[in-house]
C-alpha atoms as a PDB file:
ATOM      1  CA  UNK A   1       0.000   0.000   0.000  1.00  0.00           C
ATOM      2  CA  UNK A   2       1.416   3.266  -0.844  1.00  0.00           C
ATOM      3  CA  UNK A   3       1.884   5.666   1.949  1.00  0.00           C
ATOM      4  CA  UNK A   4       0.869   9.248   1.860  1.00  0.00           C
ATOM      5  CA  UNK A   5       3.287  11.732   3.278  1.00  0.00           C
ATOM      6  CA  UNK A   6       2.138  13.514   6.371  1.00  0.00           C
ATOM      7  CA  UNK A   7       1.852  16.889   4.810  1.00  0.00           C
ATOM      8  CA  UNK A   8      -0.266  15.596   2.153  1.00  0.00           C
ATOM      9  CA  UNK A   9      -2.303  13.702   4.626  1.00  0.00           C
ATOM     10  CA  UNK A  10      -2.838  16.767   6.706  1.00  0.00           C
ATOM     11  CA  UNK A  11      -3.832  18.797   3.764  1.00  0.00           C
ATOM     12  CA  UNK A  12      -6.344  16.205   2.837  1.00  0.00           C
ATOM     13  CA  UNK A  13      -7.655  16.082   6.376  1.00  0.00           C
ATOM     14  CA  UNK A  14      -7.890  19.881   6.444  1.00  0.00           C
ATOM     15  CA  UNK A  15      -9.570  19.912   3.104  1.00  0.00           C
ATOM     16  CA  UNK A  16     -11.957  17.239   4.284  1.00  0.00           C
ATOM     17  CA  UNK A  17     -12.616  19.293   7.428  1.00  0.00           C
ATOM     18  CA  UNK A  18     -13.223  22.357   5.331  1.00  0.00           C
ATOM     19  CA  UNK A  19     -15.437  20.399   2.995  1.00  0.00           C
ATOM     20  CA  UNK A  20     -17.258  18.920   5.973  1.00  0.00           C
ATOM     21  CA  UNK A  21     -17.604  22.376   7.469  1.00  0.00           C
ATOM     22  CA  UNK A  22     -18.857  23.711   4.136  1.00  0.00           C
ATOM     23  CA  UNK A  23     -21.250  20.800   3.860  1.00  0.00           C
ATOM     24  CA  UNK A  24     -22.415  21.413   7.459  1.00  0.00           C
ATOM     25  CA  UNK A  25     -22.932  25.106   6.703  1.00  0.00           C
ATOM     26  CA  UNK A  26     -24.698  24.237   3.514  1.00  0.00           C
ATOM     27  CA  UNK A  27     -26.849  21.749   5.432  1.00  0.00           C
ATOM     28  CA  UNK A  28     -27.713  24.425   8.002  1.00  0.00           C
ATOM     29  CA  UNK A  29     -28.510  26.887   5.242  1.00  0.00           C
ATOM     30  CA  UNK A  30     -30.527  24.206   3.499  1.00  0.00           C
ATOM     31  CA  UNK A  31     -32.438  23.501   6.716  1.00  0.00           C
ATOM     32  CA  UNK A  32     -33.065  27.225   7.197  1.00  0.00           C
ATOM     33  CA  UNK A  33     -34.053  27.554   3.578  1.00  0.00           C
ATOM     34  CA  UNK A  34     -36.320  24.472   3.841  1.00  0.00           C
ATOM     35  CA  UNK A  35     -37.898  25.903   6.965  1.00  0.00           C
ATOM     36  CA  UNK A  36     -38.341  29.259   5.244  1.00  0.00           C
ATOM     37  CA  UNK A  37     -39.807  27.573   2.142  1.00  0.00           C
ATOM     38  CA  UNK A  38     -42.187  25.513   4.331  1.00  0.00           C
ATOM     39  CA  UNK A  39     -43.364  28.567   6.257  1.00  0.00           C
ATOM     40  CA  UNK A  40     -43.672  30.528   3.016  1.00  0.00           C
ATOM     41  CA  UNK A  41     -45.544  27.608   1.461  1.00  0.00           C
ATOM     42  CA  UNK A  42     -47.983  27.527   4.384  1.00  0.00           C
ATOM     43  CA  UNK A  43     -48.411  31.303   4.199  1.00  0.00           C
ATOM     44  CA  UNK A  44     -48.987  31.100   0.438  1.00  0.00           C
ATOM     45  CA  UNK A  45     -51.460  28.252   0.910  1.00  0.00           C
ATOM     46  CA  UNK A  46     -53.350  30.376   3.451  1.00  0.00           C
ATOM     47  CA  UNK A  47     -53.255  33.367   1.103  1.00  0.00           C
ATOM     48  CA  UNK A  48     -54.420  31.169  -1.762  1.00  0.00           C
ATOM     49  CA  UNK A  49     -57.249  29.778   0.415  1.00  0.00           C
ATOM     50  CA  UNK A  50     -58.300  33.287   1.445  1.00  0.00           C
ATOM     51  CA  UNK A  51     -58.071  34.474  -2.164  1.00  0.00           C
ATOM     52  CA  UNK A  52     -60.098  31.478  -3.334  1.00  0.00           C
ATOM     53  CA  UNK A  53     -62.786  32.083  -0.709  1.00  0.00           C
ATOM     54  CA  UNK A  54     -62.857  35.756  -1.585  1.00  0.00           C
ATOM     55  CA  UNK A  55     -62.966  34.955  -5.322  1.00  0.00           C
ATOM     56  CA  UNK A  56     -65.769  32.407  -4.773  1.00  0.00           C
ATOM     57  CA  UNK A  57     -67.738  34.913  -2.683  1.00  0.00           C
ATOM     58  CA  UNK A  58     -67.168  37.600  -5.330  1.00  0.00           C
ATOM     59  CA  UNK A  59     -68.177  35.161  -8.074  1.00  0.00           C
ATOM     60  CA  UNK A  60     -71.338  34.217  -6.162  1.00  0.00           C
ATOM     61  CA  UNK A  61     -72.177  37.920  -5.702  1.00  0.00           C
ATOM     62  CA  UNK A  62     -71.457  38.581  -9.363  1.00  0.00           C
ATOM     63  CA  UNK A  63     -73.598  35.626 -10.431  1.00  0.00           C
ATOM     64  CA  UNK A  64     -76.413  36.832  -8.202  1.00  0.00           C
ATOM     65  CA  UNK A  65     -76.199  40.345  -9.679  1.00  0.00           C
ATOM     66  CA  UNK A  66     -76.025  38.889 -13.195  1.00  0.00           C
ATOM     67  CA  UNK A  67     -79.050  36.725 -12.458  1.00  0.00           C
ATOM     68  CA  UNK A  68     -80.917  39.729 -11.045  1.00  0.00           C
ATOM     69  CA  UNK A  69     -80.080  41.695 -14.185  1.00  0.00           C
ATOM     70  CA  UNK A  70     -80.723  38.869 -16.647  1.00  0.00           C
ATOM     71  CA  UNK A  71     -83.905  37.450 -15.083  1.00  0.00           C
ATOM     72  CA  UNK A  72     -86.212  40.353 -16.090  1.00  0.00           C
ATOM     73  CA  UNK A  73     -84.674  40.374 -19.561  1.00  0.00           C
ATOM     74  CA  UNK A  74     -85.159  36.631 -19.902  1.00  0.00           C
ATOM     75  CA  UNK A  75     -88.755  36.935 -18.677  1.00  0.00           C
ATOM     76  CA  UNK A  76     -89.347  39.727 -21.173  1.00  0.00           C
ATOM     77  CA  UNK A  77     -87.848  37.670 -24.002  1.00  0.00           C
ATOM     78  CA  UNK A  78     -89.906  34.622 -22.963  1.00  0.00           C
ATOM     79  CA  UNK A  79     -93.040  36.778 -22.828  1.00  0.00           C
ATOM     80  CA  UNK A  80     -92.318  38.163 -26.310  1.00  0.00           C
ATOM     81  CA  UNK A  81     -91.685  34.679 -27.680  1.00  0.00           C
ATOM     82  CA  UNK A  82     -94.914  33.403 -26.081  1.00  0.00           C
ATOM     83  CA  UNK A  83     -96.806  36.293 -27.668  1.00  0.00           C
ATOM     84  CA  UNK A  84     -95.258  35.391 -31.035  1.00  0.00           C
ATOM     85  CA  UNK A  85     -96.249  31.750 -30.561  1.00  0.00           C
ATOM     86  CA  UNK A  86     -99.800  32.802 -29.600  1.00  0.00           C
ATOM     87  CA  UNK A  87    -100.004  35.076 -32.635  1.00  0.00           C
ATOM     88  CA  UNK A  88     -98.784  32.282 -34.913  1.00  0.00           C
ATOM     89  CA  UNK A  89    -101.238  29.821 -33.353  1.00  0.00           C
ATOM     90  CA  UNK A  90    -104.080  32.302 -33.860  1.00  0.00           C
ATOM     91  CA  UNK A  91    -103.000  32.861 -37.460  1.00  0.00           C
ATOM     92  CA  UNK A  92    -102.878  29.108 -38.069  1.00  0.00           C
ATOM     93  CA  UNK A  93    -106.283  28.699 -36.445  1.00  0.00           C
ATOM     94  CA  UNK A  94    -107.759  31.494 -38.572  1.00  0.00           C
ATOM     95  CA  UNK A  95    -106.134  30.064 -41.726  1.00  0.00           C
ATOM     96  CA  UNK A  96    -107.461  26.611 -40.888  1.00  0.00           C
ATOM     97  CA  UNK A  97    -110.951  27.978 -40.241  1.00  0.00           C
ATOM     98  CA  UNK A  98    -110.852  29.879 -43.536  1.00  0.00           C
ATOM     99  CA  UNK A  99    -109.757  26.755 -45.432  1.00  0.00           C
ATOM    100  CA  UNK A 100    -112.448  24.662 -43.733  1.00  0.00           C
ATOM    101  CA  UNK A 101    -115.053  27.326 -44.502  1.00  0.00           C
ATOM    102  CA  UNK A 102    -114.016  27.392 -48.169  1.00  0.00           C
ATOM    103  CA  UNK A 103    -114.128  23.598 -48.394  1.00  0.00           C
ATOM    104  CA  UNK A 104    -117.524  23.546 -46.717  1.00  0.00           C
ATOM    105  CA  UNK A 105    -118.811  26.178 -49.129  1.00  0.00           C
ATOM    106  CA  UNK A 106    -117.516  24.134 -52.077  1.00  0.00           C
ATOM    107  CA  UNK A 107    -119.037  20.943 -50.764  1.00  0.00           C
ATOM    108  CA  UNK A 108    -122.152  22.373 -49.116  1.00  0.00           C
ATOM    109  CA  UNK A 109    -124.427  22.433 -52.184  1.00  0.00           C
ATOM    110  CA  UNK A 110    -123.692  18.838 -53.298  1.00  0.00           C
ATOM    111  CA  UNK A 111    -123.815  17.694 -49.679  1.00  0.00           C
ATOM    112  CA  UNK A 112    -127.094  19.562 -49.144  1.00  0.00           C
ATOM    113  CA  UNK A 113    -128.606  17.908 -52.242  1.00  0.00           C
ATOM    114  CA  UNK A 114    -127.407  14.500 -51.147  1.00  0.00           C
ATOM    115  CA  UNK A 115    -128.644  15.085 -47.600  1.00  0.00           C
ATOM    116  CA  UNK A 116    -131.965  16.375 -48.931  1.00  0.00           C
ATOM    117  CA  UNK A 117    -132.377  13.267 -51.109  1.00  0.00           C
ATOM    118  CA  UNK A 118    -131.486  11.004 -48.234  1.00  0.00           C
ATOM    119  CA  UNK A 119    -133.636  13.038 -45.877  1.00  0.00           C
ATOM    120  CA  UNK A 120    -136.595  12.924 -48.279  1.00  0.00           C
ATOM    121  CA  UNK A 121    -136.265   9.172 -48.546  1.00  0.00           C
ATOM    122  CA  UNK A 122    -136.008   8.797 -44.786  1.00  0.00           C
ATOM    123  CA  UNK A 123    -138.975  11.143 -44.212  1.00  0.00           C
ATOM    124  CA  UNK A 124    -141.081   9.295 -46.796  1.00  0.00           C
ATOM    125  CA  UNK A 125    -140.167   5.976 -45.225  1.00  0.00           C
ATOM    126  CA  UNK A 126    -140.945   7.250 -41.724  1.00  0.00           C
ATOM    127  CA  UNK A 127    -144.217   8.828 -42.888  1.00  0.00           C
ATOM    128  CA  UNK A 128    -145.219   5.578 -44.619  1.00  0.00           C
ATOM    129  CA  UNK A 129    -144.365   3.586 -41.489  1.00  0.00           C
ATOM    130  CA  UNK A 130    -146.301   6.050 -39.330  1.00  0.00           C
ATOM    131  CA  UNK A 131    -149.271   5.967 -41.698  1.00  0.00           C
ATOM    132  CA  UNK A 132    -149.278   2.177 -41.715  1.00  0.00           C
ATOM    133  CA  UNK A 133    -149.001   2.129 -37.941  1.00  0.00           C
ATOM    134  CA  UNK A 134    -151.773   4.703 -37.608  1.00  0.00           C
ATOM    135  CA  UNK A 135    -153.971   2.787 -40.082  1.00  0.00           C
ATOM    136  CA  UNK A 136    -153.453  -0.436 -38.169  1.00  0.00           C
ATOM    137  CA  UNK A 137    -154.074   1.309 -34.860  1.00  0.00           C
ATOM    138  CA  UNK A 138    -157.118   3.133 -36.275  1.00  0.00           C
ATOM    139  CA  UNK A 139    -158.478  -0.133 -37.724  1.00  0.00           C
ATOM    140  CA  UNK A 140    -158.000  -1.818 -34.374  1.00  0.00           C
ATOM    141  CA  UNK A 141    -159.644   1.102 -32.557  1.00  0.00           C
ATOM    142  CA  UNK A 142    -162.568   1.169 -35.037  1.00  0.00           C
ATOM    143  CA  UNK A 143    -163.070  -2.620 -34.866  1.00  0.00           C
ATOM    144  CA  UNK A 144    -162.896  -2.487 -31.090  1.00  0.00           C
ATOM    145  CA  UNK A 145    -165.357   0.413 -31.011  1.00  0.00           C
ATOM    146  CA  UNK A 146    -167.690  -1.363 -33.437  1.00  0.00           C
ATOM    147  CA  UNK A 147    -167.510  -4.587 -31.403  1.00  0.00           C
ATOM    148  CA  UNK A 148    -168.200  -2.736 -28.162  1.00  0.00           C
ATOM    149  CA  UNK A 149    -171.018  -0.716 -29.760  1.00  0.00           C
ATOM    150  CA  UNK A 150    -172.430  -3.837 -31.402  1.00  0.00           C
ATOM    151  CA  UNK A 151    -172.352  -5.667 -28.078  1.00  0.00           C
ATOM    152  CA  UNK A 152    -174.035  -2.735 -26.373  1.00  0.00           C
ATOM    153  CA  UNK A 153    -176.638  -2.409 -29.161  1.00  0.00           C
ATOM    154  CA  UNK A 154    -177.145  -6.164 -29.191  1.00  0.00           C
ATOM    155  CA  UNK A 155    -177.786  -6.158 -25.434  1.00  0.00           C
ATOM    156  CA  UNK A 156    -180.084  -3.117 -25.756  1.00  0.00           C
ATOM    157  CA  UNK A 157    -181.951  -4.529 -28.749  1.00  0.00           C
ATOM    158  CA  UNK A 158    -182.191  -7.993 -27.244  1.00  0.00           C
ATOM    159  CA  UNK A 159    -183.714  -6.410 -24.158  1.00  0.00           C
ATOM    160  CA  UNK A 160    -186.032  -4.263 -26.289  1.00  0.00           C
ATOM    161  CA  UNK A 161    -186.875  -7.211 -28.536  1.00  0.00           C
ATOM    162  CA  UNK A 162    -187.721  -9.275 -25.471  1.00  0.00           C
ATOM    163  CA  UNK A 163    -189.889  -6.464 -24.152  1.00  0.00           C
ATOM    164  CA  UNK A 164    -191.450  -5.978 -27.593  1.00  0.00           C
ATOM    165  CA  UNK A 165    -192.043  -9.724 -27.907  1.00  0.00           C
ATOM    166  CA  UNK A 166    -193.709  -9.743 -24.536  1.00  0.00           C
ATOM    167  CA  UNK A 167    -195.792  -6.770 -25.564  1.00  0.00           C
ATOM    168  CA  UNK A 168    -196.669  -8.434 -28.886  1.00  0.00           C
ATOM    169  CA  UNK A 169    -197.681 -11.619 -27.013  1.00  0.00           C
ATOM    170  CA  UNK A 170    -199.711  -9.529 -24.597  1.00  0.00           C
ATOM    171  CA  UNK A 171    -201.313  -7.629 -27.491  1.00  0.00           C
ATOM    172  CA  UNK A 172    -201.990 -10.911 -29.289  1.00  0.00           C
ATOM    173  CA  UNK A 173    -203.417 -12.287 -26.097  1.00  0.00           C
ATOM    174  CA  UNK A 174    -205.656  -9.235 -25.750  1.00  0.00           C
ATOM    175  CA  UNK A 175    -206.576  -9.350 -29.411  1.00  0.00           C
ATOM    176  CA  UNK A 176    -207.435 -13.035 -29.157  1.00  0.00           C
ATOM    177  CA  UNK A 177    -209.397 -12.319 -25.993  1.00  0.00           C
ATOM    178  CA  UNK A 178    -211.163  -9.433 -27.726  1.00  0.00           C
ATOM    179  CA  UNK A 179    -211.929 -11.640 -30.732  1.00  0.00           C
ATOM    180  CA  UNK A 180    -213.208 -14.377 -28.485  1.00  0.00           C
ATOM    181  CA  UNK A 181    -215.226 -11.850 -26.515  1.00  0.00           C
ATOM    182  CA  UNK A 182    -216.614 -10.333 -29.690  1.00  0.00           C
ATOM    183  CA  UNK A 183    -217.404 -13.741 -31.084  1.00  0.00           C
ATOM    184  CA  UNK A 184    -219.020 -14.684 -27.847  1.00  0.00           C
ATOM    185  CA  UNK A 185    -221.065 -11.498 -27.923  1.00  0.00           C
ATOM    186  CA  UNK A 186    -221.935 -12.102 -31.473  1.00  0.00           C
ATOM    187  CA  UNK A 187    -223.147 -15.510 -30.676  1.00  0.00           C
ATOM    188  CA  UNK A 188    -224.867 -14.500 -27.548  1.00  0.00           C
ATOM    189  CA  UNK A 189    -226.970 -11.985 -29.212  1.00  0.00           C
END
């Protein structure tokens, strides 16, 4: 193993001490710097948080003001659009009614003729059915009335005929008695 002379060795030891000292100083500075960076980082994070909260609050206020400003405008626009839609709907309705009216006018005369023909046929049929029904009903009523009247007359006439027969027999009896009495008087004289 080669040997290092003492001077050289001491220089290296001194240099190593100096380097160690420099490294120690650098480490201390690094620790201080790290501590400073950490504290600055925390401070910046707090500032960022505060700025974010403030920005969010400002944004919420701005949105609220925008909404307050836009809402009446939006309502006005919606109202105008609804009026336009109503106007269009009314125009369509009027156009449709006009078209329907024109079509009805075109078709009304032929339809009226056809309806009149059909109606005439239906009326004639109904009148014929009613007449037939009335004739049948009238016939039935007349036959019933005649039967009832005939029965009543028959009873009345049978009673009168019986009375008349009795009267005729009584008159015949009286006439025969008168003839017998006159014959008896004739022969008695």
